[in-house]
C-alpha atoms as a PDB file:
ATOM      1  CA  UNK A   1       0.000   0.000   0.000  1.00  0.00           C
ATOM      2  CA  UNK A   2       1.204   3.522  -0.710  1.00  0.00           C
ATOM      3  CA  UNK A   3       2.444   5.519   2.267  1.00  0.00           C
ATOM      4  CA  UNK A   4       0.163   8.467   1.442  1.00  0.00           C
ATOM      5  CA  UNK A   5      -2.921   6.249   1.489  1.00  0.00           C
ATOM      6  CA  UNK A   6      -1.929   4.697   4.802  1.00  0.00           C
ATOM      7  CA  UNK A   7      -1.038   8.015   6.443  1.00  0.00           C
ATOM      8  CA  UNK A   8      -4.383   9.593   5.575  1.00  0.00           C
ATOM      9  CA  UNK A   9      -5.945   6.869   7.740  1.00  0.00           C
ATOM     10  CA  UNK A  10      -3.764   7.637  10.782  1.00  0.00           C
ATOM     11  CA  UNK A  11      -5.660   8.092  14.059  1.00  0.00           C
ATOM     12  CA  UNK A  12      -8.764   6.445  12.642  1.00  0.00           C
ATOM     13  CA  UNK A  13     -10.314   3.071  13.331  1.00  0.00           C
ATOM     14  CA  UNK A  14      -9.281   0.694  10.574  1.00  0.00           C
ATOM     15  CA  UNK A  15      -8.943  -2.971   9.738  1.00  0.00           C
ATOM     16  CA  UNK A  16      -5.442  -3.723   8.456  1.00  0.00           C
ATOM     17  CA  UNK A  17      -4.646  -6.919   6.548  1.00  0.00           C
ATOM     18  CA  UNK A  18      -0.935  -7.720   6.335  1.00  0.00           C
ATOM     19  CA  UNK A  19       0.870  -9.733   3.667  1.00  0.00           C
ATOM     20  CA  UNK A  20       0.682 -12.936   5.755  1.00  0.00           C
ATOM     21  CA  UNK A  21      -3.119 -12.710   6.031  1.00  0.00           C
ATOM     22  CA  UNK A  22      -3.285 -11.544   9.654  1.00  0.00           C
ATOM     23  CA  UNK A  23      -5.915  -8.877  10.377  1.00  0.00           C
ATOM     24  CA  UNK A  24      -5.911  -6.225  13.075  1.00  0.00           C
ATOM     25  CA  UNK A  25      -8.788  -3.882  13.910  1.00  0.00           C
ATOM     26  CA  UNK A  26      -8.205  -0.745  15.948  1.00  0.00           C
ATOM     27  CA  UNK A  27      -6.776   2.761  15.712  1.00  0.00           C
ATOM     28  CA  UNK A  28      -3.893   3.108  13.229  1.00  0.00           C
ATOM     29  CA  UNK A  29      -0.868   4.830  14.786  1.00  0.00           C
ATOM     30  CA  UNK A  30       2.632   5.719  13.607  1.00  0.00           C
ATOM     31  CA  UNK A  31       5.803   4.921  15.551  1.00  0.00           C
ATOM     32  CA  UNK A  32       8.110   7.801  16.433  1.00  0.00           C
ATOM     33  CA  UNK A  33       5.382  10.339  17.226  1.00  0.00           C
ATOM     34  CA  UNK A  34       4.757  12.234  20.457  1.00  0.00           C
ATOM     35  CA  UNK A  35       1.863   9.872  21.174  1.00  0.00           C
ATOM     36  CA  UNK A  36       4.324   7.023  21.872  1.00  0.00           C
ATOM     37  CA  UNK A  37       7.253   9.093  23.193  1.00  0.00           C
ATOM     38  CA  UNK A  38       7.191   7.288  26.584  1.00  0.00           C
ATOM     39  CA  UNK A  39       7.368   3.803  25.048  1.00  0.00           C
ATOM     40  CA  UNK A  40      10.909   2.970  23.893  1.00  0.00           C
ATOM     41  CA  UNK A  41       9.672  -0.010  21.874  1.00  0.00           C
ATOM     42  CA  UNK A  42       7.421   2.234  19.748  1.00  0.00           C
ATOM     43  CA  UNK A  43       9.409   5.473  19.621  1.00  0.00           C
ATOM     44  CA  UNK A  44      11.447   4.718  16.498  1.00  0.00           C
ATOM     45  CA  UNK A  45      12.573   8.115  15.179  1.00  0.00           C
ATOM     46  CA  UNK A  46      13.156   8.517  11.462  1.00  0.00           C
ATOM     47  CA  UNK A  47      11.615   5.200  10.548  1.00  0.00           C
ATOM     48  CA  UNK A  48       8.210   4.827   8.945  1.00  0.00           C
ATOM     49  CA  UNK A  49       6.693   2.074  11.053  1.00  0.00           C
ATOM     50  CA  UNK A  50       3.053   1.705  11.998  1.00  0.00           C
ATOM     51  CA  UNK A  51       0.955  -0.294  14.451  1.00  0.00           C
ATOM     52  CA  UNK A  52      -2.702  -0.784  15.316  1.00  0.00           C
ATOM     53  CA  UNK A  53      -3.789   0.125  18.836  1.00  0.00           C
ATOM     54  CA  UNK A  54      -6.491  -2.306  19.916  1.00  0.00           C
ATOM     55  CA  UNK A  55      -8.583  -2.546  23.090  1.00  0.00           C
ATOM     56  CA  UNK A  56      -6.336  -5.236  24.531  1.00  0.00           C
ATOM     57  CA  UNK A  57      -2.893  -4.083  23.337  1.00  0.00           C
ATOM     58  CA  UNK A  58      -1.099  -3.330  20.109  1.00  0.00           C
ATOM     59  CA  UNK A  59      -0.513  -5.273  16.912  1.00  0.00           C
ATOM     60  CA  UNK A  60       2.881  -6.099  15.541  1.00  0.00           C
ATOM     61  CA  UNK A  61       4.895  -3.193  14.129  1.00  0.00           C
ATOM     62  CA  UNK A  62       4.796  -3.067  10.344  1.00  0.00           C
ATOM     63  CA  UNK A  63       5.833  -0.957   7.356  1.00  0.00           C
ATOM     64  CA  UNK A  64       3.493   0.310   4.662  1.00  0.00           C
ATOM     65  CA  UNK A  65       4.905  -2.271   2.245  1.00  0.00           C
ATOM     66  CA  UNK A  66       3.604  -5.035   4.548  1.00  0.00           C
ATOM     67  CA  UNK A  67      -0.003  -3.798   4.265  1.00  0.00           C
ATOM     68  CA  UNK A  68      -2.123  -5.666   1.765  1.00  0.00           C
ATOM     69  CA  UNK A  69      -5.386  -3.867   2.569  1.00  0.00           C
ATOM     70  CA  UNK A  70      -6.480  -1.112   4.956  1.00  0.00           C
ATOM     71  CA  UNK A  71     -10.134  -0.182   5.237  1.00  0.00           C
ATOM     72  CA  UNK A  72     -12.065   2.038   7.609  1.00  0.00           C
ATOM     73  CA  UNK A  73     -13.669   0.005  10.373  1.00  0.00           C
ATOM     74  CA  UNK A  74     -15.683   2.528  12.308  1.00  0.00           C
ATOM     75  CA  UNK A  75     -15.605   5.969  13.851  1.00  0.00           C
ATOM     76  CA  UNK A  76     -13.117   8.610  12.872  1.00  0.00           C
ATOM     77  CA  UNK A  77     -11.196   9.674  15.981  1.00  0.00           C
ATOM     78  CA  UNK A  78     -10.302  13.124  14.623  1.00  0.00           C
ATOM     79  CA  UNK A  79     -13.910  13.892  13.688  1.00  0.00           C
ATOM     80  CA  UNK A  80     -15.074  12.604  17.058  1.00  0.00           C
ATOM     81  CA  UNK A  81     -12.633  14.955  18.837  1.00  0.00           C
ATOM     82  CA  UNK A  82     -13.842  17.882  16.722  1.00  0.00           C
ATOM     83  CA  UNK A  83     -17.460  17.110  17.564  1.00  0.00           C
ATOM     84  CA  UNK A  84     -16.586  16.882  21.247  1.00  0.00           C
ATOM     85  CA  UNK A  85     -14.917  20.297  21.099  1.00  0.00           C
ATOM     86  CA  UNK A  86     -17.987  21.798  19.400  1.00  0.00           C
ATOM     87  CA  UNK A  87     -20.301  20.329  22.013  1.00  0.00           C
ATOM     88  CA  UNK A  88     -18.115  21.666  24.856  1.00  0.00           C
ATOM     89  CA  UNK A  89     -18.187  25.151  23.349  1.00  0.00           C
ATOM     90  CA  UNK A  90     -21.981  25.239  23.191  1.00  0.00           C
END
């Protein structure tokens, strides 16, 4: 999968299918961001690695070339945060 296509789905709930057929459903995150700064296993600076944050943990770490398919699974976290901010302002 192209990096641009995968990165536009960051911070959203997706179902990722990897090249070996394993599927993970959860929020797509990128390693090396401030979100994972406190976790040394996920804070890989300068590398384009991704993982899926699930209710019970995280998936394996993978690159965009490992992704066979990535589709939206549910709610958009960014839109949900924006709606929450609008509701708080009212």
